[in-house]
Amino acid sequence: MPRNAEGIAAALDSVRRIDFYRELLAAAPEDAEAVLRRWWCEAMLDTDPSGDRFTEAALNGTLPTKSVAVAVARRQAAGLPVE
């Protein structure tokens, strides 16, 4: 899915698409990137067949976690940027 407003909107159902556009249009320019990032994650979960399972595990506190150090090491090993 494209990581832009059009791609995000296309992945959301009509009700959530309206909420997304409403939030994006109300955001200050310096906050727009954070709105896009959050809604891209929402859209990815909506299109992932196992998204409900991940959401349920997160809400129940049973979602496996890892430390920031482990996540950074994995990104570095894969040659991905670490900011």
C-alpha atoms as a PDB file:
ATOM      1  CA  MET A   1       0.000   0.000   0.000  1.00  0.00           C
ATOM      2  CA  PRO A   2       1.405   3.414  -0.891  1.00  0.00           C
ATOM      3  CA  ARG A   3       2.413   5.342   2.211  1.00  0.00           C
ATOM      4  CA  ASN A   4       0.546   8.505   1.249  1.00  0.00           C
ATOM      5  CA  ALA A   5      -2.929   9.945   1.819  1.00  0.00           C
ATOM      6  CA  GLU A   6      -4.362   8.378  -1.335  1.00  0.00           C
ATOM      7  CA  GLY A   7      -3.025   4.894  -0.532  1.00  0.00           C
ATOM      8  CA  ILE A   8      -4.177   5.072   3.070  1.00  0.00           C
ATOM      9  CA  ALA A   9      -7.655   6.283   2.126  1.00  0.00           C
ATOM     10  CA  ALA A  10      -8.046   3.515  -0.446  1.00  0.00           C
ATOM     11  CA  ALA A  11      -7.361   0.862   2.196  1.00  0.00           C
ATOM     12  CA  LEU A  12      -9.883   2.178   4.735  1.00  0.00           C
ATOM     13  CA  ASP A  13     -13.617   1.558   4.753  1.00  0.00           C
ATOM     14  CA  SER A  14     -15.825   4.573   4.051  1.00  0.00           C
ATOM     15  CA  VAL A  15     -16.438   5.524   7.702  1.00  0.00           C
ATOM     16  CA  ARG A  16     -12.785   5.300   8.692  1.00  0.00           C
ATOM     17  CA  ARG A  17     -11.770   7.079   5.467  1.00  0.00           C
ATOM     18  CA  ILE A  18     -13.883  10.060   6.502  1.00  0.00           C
ATOM     19  CA  ASP A  19     -12.273  10.037   9.962  1.00  0.00           C
ATOM     20  CA  PHE A  20      -8.820   9.880   8.372  1.00  0.00           C
ATOM     21  CA  TYR A  21      -9.452  12.803   6.033  1.00  0.00           C
ATOM     22  CA  ARG A  22     -11.062  14.825   8.826  1.00  0.00           C
ATOM     23  CA  GLU A  23      -8.013  14.333  11.070  1.00  0.00           C
ATOM     24  CA  LEU A  24      -5.531  14.985   8.260  1.00  0.00           C
ATOM     25  CA  LEU A  25      -7.255  18.186   7.138  1.00  0.00           C
ATOM     26  CA  ALA A  26      -7.458  19.467  10.724  1.00  0.00           C
ATOM     27  CA  ALA A  27      -3.775  18.784  11.430  1.00  0.00           C
ATOM     28  CA  ALA A  28      -1.235  21.572  11.496  1.00  0.00           C
ATOM     29  CA  PRO A  29       1.386  21.141   8.764  1.00  0.00           C
ATOM     30  CA  GLU A  30       3.998  20.028  11.281  1.00  0.00           C
ATOM     31  CA  ASP A  31       1.595  17.327  12.565  1.00  0.00           C
ATOM     32  CA  ALA A  32       0.478  15.955   9.184  1.00  0.00           C
ATOM     33  CA  GLU A  33       3.309  13.415   8.972  1.00  0.00           C
ATOM     34  CA  ALA A  34       2.353  11.918  12.347  1.00  0.00           C
ATOM     35  CA  VAL A  35      -1.296  11.661  11.229  1.00  0.00           C
ATOM     36  CA  LEU A  36      -0.244   9.878   8.033  1.00  0.00           C
ATOM     37  CA  ARG A  37       2.028   7.529   9.969  1.00  0.00           C
ATOM     38  CA  ARG A  38      -0.668   6.589  12.479  1.00  0.00           C
ATOM     39  CA  TRP A  39      -3.345   6.055   9.835  1.00  0.00           C
ATOM     40  CA  TRP A  40      -0.959   4.070   7.624  1.00  0.00           C
ATOM     41  CA  CYS A  41      -0.532   1.656  10.552  1.00  0.00           C
ATOM     42  CA  GLU A  42      -4.310   1.506  10.978  1.00  0.00           C
ATOM     43  CA  ALA A  43      -4.783   0.813   7.270  1.00  0.00           C
ATOM     44  CA  MET A  44      -2.106  -1.894   7.309  1.00  0.00           C
ATOM     45  CA  LEU A  45      -3.878  -3.638  10.188  1.00  0.00           C
ATOM     46  CA  ASP A  46      -7.208  -3.293   8.385  1.00  0.00           C
ATOM     47  CA  THR A  47      -5.833  -4.996   5.272  1.00  0.00           C
ATOM     48  CA  ASP A  48      -3.870  -7.696   7.141  1.00  0.00           C
ATOM     49  CA  PRO A  49      -5.891 -10.915   7.520  1.00  0.00           C
ATOM     50  CA  SER A  50      -4.313 -11.436  10.957  1.00  0.00           C
ATOM     51  CA  GLY A  51      -4.794  -7.792  11.993  1.00  0.00           C
ATOM     52  CA  ASP A  52      -7.669  -8.618  14.339  1.00  0.00           C
ATOM     53  CA  ARG A  53      -5.485 -11.180  16.092  1.00  0.00           C
ATOM     54  CA  PHE A  54      -2.714  -8.600  16.611  1.00  0.00           C
ATOM     55  CA  THR A  55      -5.159  -5.966  17.836  1.00  0.00           C
ATOM     56  CA  GLU A  56      -6.765  -8.411  20.272  1.00  0.00           C
ATOM     57  CA  ALA A  57      -3.367  -9.529  21.592  1.00  0.00           C
ATOM     58  CA  ALA A  58      -2.270  -5.910  22.063  1.00  0.00           C
ATOM     59  CA  LEU A  59      -5.459  -5.032  23.931  1.00  0.00           C
ATOM     60  CA  ASN A  60      -5.157  -8.159  26.102  1.00  0.00           C
ATOM     61  CA  GLY A  61      -1.507  -7.513  26.894  1.00  0.00           C
ATOM     62  CA  THR A  62      -0.395 -10.769  25.269  1.00  0.00           C
ATOM     63  CA  LEU A  63       1.319  -9.345  22.192  1.00  0.00           C
ATOM     64  CA  PRO A  64       4.965 -10.458  22.103  1.00  0.00           C
ATOM     65  CA  THR A  65       7.344  -7.539  22.530  1.00  0.00           C
ATOM     66  CA  LYS A  66      11.050  -6.921  22.058  1.00  0.00           C
ATOM     67  CA  SER A  67      13.418  -4.325  23.411  1.00  0.00           C
ATOM     68  CA  VAL A  68      14.404  -1.219  21.477  1.00  0.00           C
ATOM     69  CA  ALA A  69      17.992  -2.495  21.445  1.00  0.00           C
ATOM     70  CA  VAL A  70      16.899  -5.698  19.702  1.00  0.00           C
ATOM     71  CA  ALA A  71      14.817  -3.760  17.161  1.00  0.00           C
ATOM     72  CA  VAL A  72      17.721  -1.393  16.412  1.00  0.00           C
ATOM     73  CA  ALA A  73      20.151  -4.307  16.036  1.00  0.00           C
ATOM     74  CA  ARG A  74      17.792  -6.077  13.594  1.00  0.00           C
ATOM     75  CA  ARG A  75      17.402  -2.914  11.497  1.00  0.00           C
ATOM     76  CA  GLN A  76      21.155  -2.339  11.442  1.00  0.00           C
ATOM     77  CA  ALA A  77      21.789  -5.971  10.453  1.00  0.00           C
ATOM     78  CA  ALA A  78      19.303  -5.579   7.590  1.00  0.00           C
ATOM     79  CA  GLY A  79      20.985  -2.348   6.453  1.00  0.00           C
ATOM     80  CA  LEU A  80      17.908  -0.261   7.310  1.00  0.00           C
ATOM     81  CA  PRO A  81      18.107   3.274   8.690  1.00  0.00           C
ATOM     82  CA  VAL A  82      17.960   3.814  12.432  1.00  0.00           C
ATOM     83  CA  GLU A  83      16.767   7.233  13.519  1.00  0.00           C
END
